[in-house]
Amino acid sequence: MDQRSHVRSFGESVGLTTLVLALASLNPLSAAGTRPSEFRSQGNAREYNLDFPEALSFYRQAMEVQPDDPATSRALAGIYLFEIAFRRGVVTTEEFIGADISVKNIEVGS
């Protein structure tokens, strides 16, 4: 192998490594192979059952896997707002469990 072949092989290796790292960052996994969405799903289930400490634990794990994930940030903010609302009596358990808060039912500009 001549000098140019070594340089080309090194360049190809660097390019392949960069590609693999870029693809991995698109769908990050925890050390155990868990995606942020899986942690959020567990957190959502705990939040629905009003187990806020456990829900926070799952949301924080999702944040550790992908700190810049907006869905996890929204989930964390939401759980704090719900917890404050429950403590102040603004929202009752029945209202929370029976609420249909899907996007289609939210009126914009009202």
C-alpha atoms as a PDB file:
ATOM      1  CA  MET A   1       0.000   0.000   0.000  1.00  0.00           C
ATOM      2  CA  ASP A   2       1.325   3.413  -0.853  1.00  0.00           C
ATOM      3  CA  GLN A   3       0.907   6.631   1.155  1.00  0.00           C
ATOM      4  CA  ARG A   4      -2.244   7.678  -0.717  1.00  0.00           C
ATOM      5  CA  SER A   5      -3.983   4.369   0.012  1.00  0.00           C
ATOM      6  CA  HIS A   6      -3.356   4.787   3.738  1.00  0.00           C
ATOM      7  CA  VAL A   7      -4.747   8.306   3.659  1.00  0.00           C
ATOM      8  CA  ARG A   8      -7.803   7.180   1.705  1.00  0.00           C
ATOM      9  CA  SER A   9      -8.434   4.251   4.100  1.00  0.00           C
ATOM     10  CA  PHE A  10      -8.123   6.565   7.087  1.00  0.00           C
ATOM     11  CA  GLY A  11     -10.450   9.084   5.465  1.00  0.00           C
ATOM     12  CA  GLU A  12     -13.023   6.397   4.695  1.00  0.00           C
ATOM     13  CA  SER A  13     -12.842   5.147   8.290  1.00  0.00           C
ATOM     14  CA  VAL A  14     -13.350   8.648   9.656  1.00  0.00           C
ATOM     15  CA  GLY A  15     -16.255   9.206   7.274  1.00  0.00           C
ATOM     16  CA  LEU A  16     -17.907   5.928   8.255  1.00  0.00           C
ATOM     17  CA  THR A  17     -17.423   6.646  11.960  1.00  0.00           C
ATOM     18  CA  THR A  18     -18.940  10.104  11.537  1.00  0.00           C
ATOM     19  CA  LEU A  19     -21.928   8.643   9.697  1.00  0.00           C
ATOM     20  CA  VAL A  20     -22.533   6.010  12.387  1.00  0.00           C
ATOM     21  CA  LEU A  21     -22.354   8.615  15.160  1.00  0.00           C
ATOM     22  CA  ALA A  22     -24.699  10.941  13.293  1.00  0.00           C
ATOM     23  CA  LEU A  23     -27.244   8.180  12.770  1.00  0.00           C
ATOM     24  CA  ALA A  24     -26.998   7.115  16.405  1.00  0.00           C
ATOM     25  CA  SER A  25     -27.759  10.652  17.541  1.00  0.00           C
ATOM     26  CA  LEU A  26     -31.021  10.623  15.579  1.00  0.00           C
ATOM     27  CA  ASN A  27     -32.495   7.905  17.790  1.00  0.00           C
ATOM     28  CA  PRO A  28     -30.447   7.744  20.983  1.00  0.00           C
ATOM     29  CA  LEU A  29     -30.590   4.827  23.376  1.00  0.00           C
ATOM     30  CA  SER A  30     -29.754   4.544  27.046  1.00  0.00           C
ATOM     31  CA  ALA A  31     -27.016   2.189  28.180  1.00  0.00           C
ATOM     32  CA  ALA A  32     -29.718  -0.458  28.578  1.00  0.00           C
ATOM     33  CA  GLY A  33     -30.955   0.169  25.020  1.00  0.00           C
ATOM     34  CA  THR A  34     -34.041   2.146  26.016  1.00  0.00           C
ATOM     35  CA  ARG A  35     -35.259   5.048  23.867  1.00  0.00           C
ATOM     36  CA  PRO A  36     -36.464   8.318  25.433  1.00  0.00           C
ATOM     37  CA  SER A  37     -39.968   7.642  24.103  1.00  0.00           C
ATOM     38  CA  GLU A  38     -40.098   4.387  26.080  1.00  0.00           C
ATOM     39  CA  PHE A  39     -39.167   6.203  29.294  1.00  0.00           C
ATOM     40  CA  ARG A  40     -41.758   8.913  28.516  1.00  0.00           C
ATOM     41  CA  SER A  41     -44.417   6.280  27.926  1.00  0.00           C
ATOM     42  CA  GLN A  42     -43.699   4.776  31.343  1.00  0.00           C
ATOM     43  CA  GLY A  43     -43.746   8.260  32.866  1.00  0.00           C
ATOM     44  CA  ASN A  44     -47.063   9.073  31.191  1.00  0.00           C
ATOM     45  CA  ALA A  45     -48.634   5.926  32.632  1.00  0.00           C
ATOM     46  CA  ARG A  46     -47.377   6.806  36.128  1.00  0.00           C
ATOM     47  CA  GLU A  47     -48.549  10.405  35.786  1.00  0.00           C
ATOM     48  CA  TYR A  48     -52.015   9.248  34.701  1.00  0.00           C
ATOM     49  CA  ASN A  49     -52.163   7.143  37.889  1.00  0.00           C
ATOM     50  CA  LEU A  50     -51.122  10.233  39.888  1.00  0.00           C
ATOM     51  CA  ASP A  51     -47.802   8.661  40.870  1.00  0.00           C
ATOM     52  CA  PHE A  52     -45.848  11.866  40.297  1.00  0.00           C
ATOM     53  CA  PRO A  53     -42.533  10.836  41.924  1.00  0.00           C
ATOM     54  CA  GLU A  54     -42.350   7.687  39.797  1.00  0.00           C
ATOM     55  CA  ALA A  55     -43.351   9.603  36.654  1.00  0.00           C
ATOM     56  CA  LEU A  56     -40.625  12.161  37.327  1.00  0.00           C
ATOM     57  CA  SER A  57     -38.104   9.350  37.627  1.00  0.00           C
ATOM     58  CA  PHE A  58     -38.968   8.045  34.153  1.00  0.00           C
ATOM     59  CA  TYR A  59     -38.982  11.533  32.609  1.00  0.00           C
ATOM     60  CA  ARG A  60     -35.565  12.241  34.110  1.00  0.00           C
ATOM     61  CA  GLN A  61     -34.229   9.003  32.631  1.00  0.00           C
ATOM     62  CA  ALA A  62     -35.536  10.091  29.229  1.00  0.00           C
ATOM     63  CA  MET A  63     -33.799  13.445  29.709  1.00  0.00           C
ATOM     64  CA  GLU A  64     -30.502  11.685  30.489  1.00  0.00           C
ATOM     65  CA  VAL A  65     -30.697   9.749  27.215  1.00  0.00           C
ATOM     66  CA  GLN A  66     -31.578  12.782  25.090  1.00  0.00           C
ATOM     67  CA  PRO A  67     -31.287  16.108  26.950  1.00  0.00           C
ATOM     68  CA  ASP A  68     -32.477  18.235  24.022  1.00  0.00           C
ATOM     69  CA  ASP A  69     -35.713  16.296  23.402  1.00  0.00           C
ATOM     70  CA  PRO A  70     -38.626  18.775  23.463  1.00  0.00           C
ATOM     71  CA  ALA A  71     -41.219  16.063  24.184  1.00  0.00           C
ATOM     72  CA  THR A  72     -39.447  15.153  27.408  1.00  0.00           C
ATOM     73  CA  SER A  73     -39.132  18.808  28.380  1.00  0.00           C
ATOM     74  CA  ARG A  74     -42.882  19.247  27.846  1.00  0.00           C
ATOM     75  CA  ALA A  75     -43.615  16.142  29.928  1.00  0.00           C
ATOM     76  CA  LEU A  76     -41.464  17.442  32.791  1.00  0.00           C
ATOM     77  CA  ALA A  77     -43.090  20.867  32.663  1.00  0.00           C
ATOM     78  CA  GLY A  78     -46.539  19.312  32.487  1.00  0.00           C
ATOM     79  CA  ILE A  79     -46.060  17.108  35.510  1.00  0.00           C
ATOM     80  CA  TYR A  80     -44.972  20.066  37.625  1.00  0.00           C
ATOM     81  CA  LEU A  81     -48.014  22.061  36.478  1.00  0.00           C
ATOM     82  CA  PHE A  82     -50.394  19.175  37.222  1.00  0.00           C
ATOM     83  CA  GLU A  83     -48.863  18.630  40.630  1.00  0.00           C
ATOM     84  CA  ILE A  84     -49.266  22.313  41.514  1.00  0.00           C
ATOM     85  CA  ALA A  85     -52.848  22.293  40.213  1.00  0.00           C
ATOM     86  CA  PHE A  86     -53.730  19.257  42.338  1.00  0.00           C
ATOM     87  CA  ARG A  87     -52.165  20.730  45.466  1.00  0.00           C
ATOM     88  CA  ARG A  88     -54.115  23.965  45.011  1.00  0.00           C
ATOM     89  CA  GLY A  89     -57.357  22.178  44.204  1.00  0.00           C
ATOM     90  CA  VAL A  90     -57.594  23.726  40.754  1.00  0.00           C
ATOM     91  CA  VAL A  91     -58.001  20.285  39.157  1.00  0.00           C
ATOM     92  CA  THR A  92     -59.672  17.295  40.764  1.00  0.00           C
ATOM     93  CA  THR A  93     -58.730  13.689  40.197  1.00  0.00           C
ATOM     94  CA  GLU A  94     -62.017  13.059  38.396  1.00  0.00           C
ATOM     95  CA  GLU A  95     -61.413  15.975  36.029  1.00  0.00           C
ATOM     96  CA  PHE A  96     -57.886  14.802  35.302  1.00  0.00           C
ATOM     97  CA  ILE A  97     -58.818  11.187  34.609  1.00  0.00           C
ATOM     98  CA  GLY A  98     -61.919  12.083  32.592  1.00  0.00           C
ATOM     99  CA  ALA A  99     -60.338  14.896  30.597  1.00  0.00           C
ATOM    100  CA  ASP A 100     -60.007  14.565  26.854  1.00  0.00           C
ATOM    101  CA  ILE A 101     -57.015  16.807  26.295  1.00  0.00           C
ATOM    102  CA  SER A 102     -56.152  15.700  22.797  1.00  0.00           C
ATOM    103  CA  VAL A 103     -55.008  18.368  20.371  1.00  0.00           C
ATOM    104  CA  LYS A 104     -58.287  18.249  18.430  1.00  0.00           C
ATOM    105  CA  ASN A 105     -60.162  19.525  21.502  1.00  0.00           C
ATOM    106  CA  ILE A 106     -57.920  22.504  22.186  1.00  0.00           C
ATOM    107  CA  GLU A 107     -59.257  25.727  20.724  1.00  0.00           C
ATOM    108  CA  VAL A 108     -56.594  28.103  19.506  1.00  0.00           C
ATOM    109  CA  GLY A 109     -57.106  31.789  20.197  1.00  0.00           C
ATOM    110  CA  SER A 110     -59.891  31.352  22.718  1.00  0.00           C
END
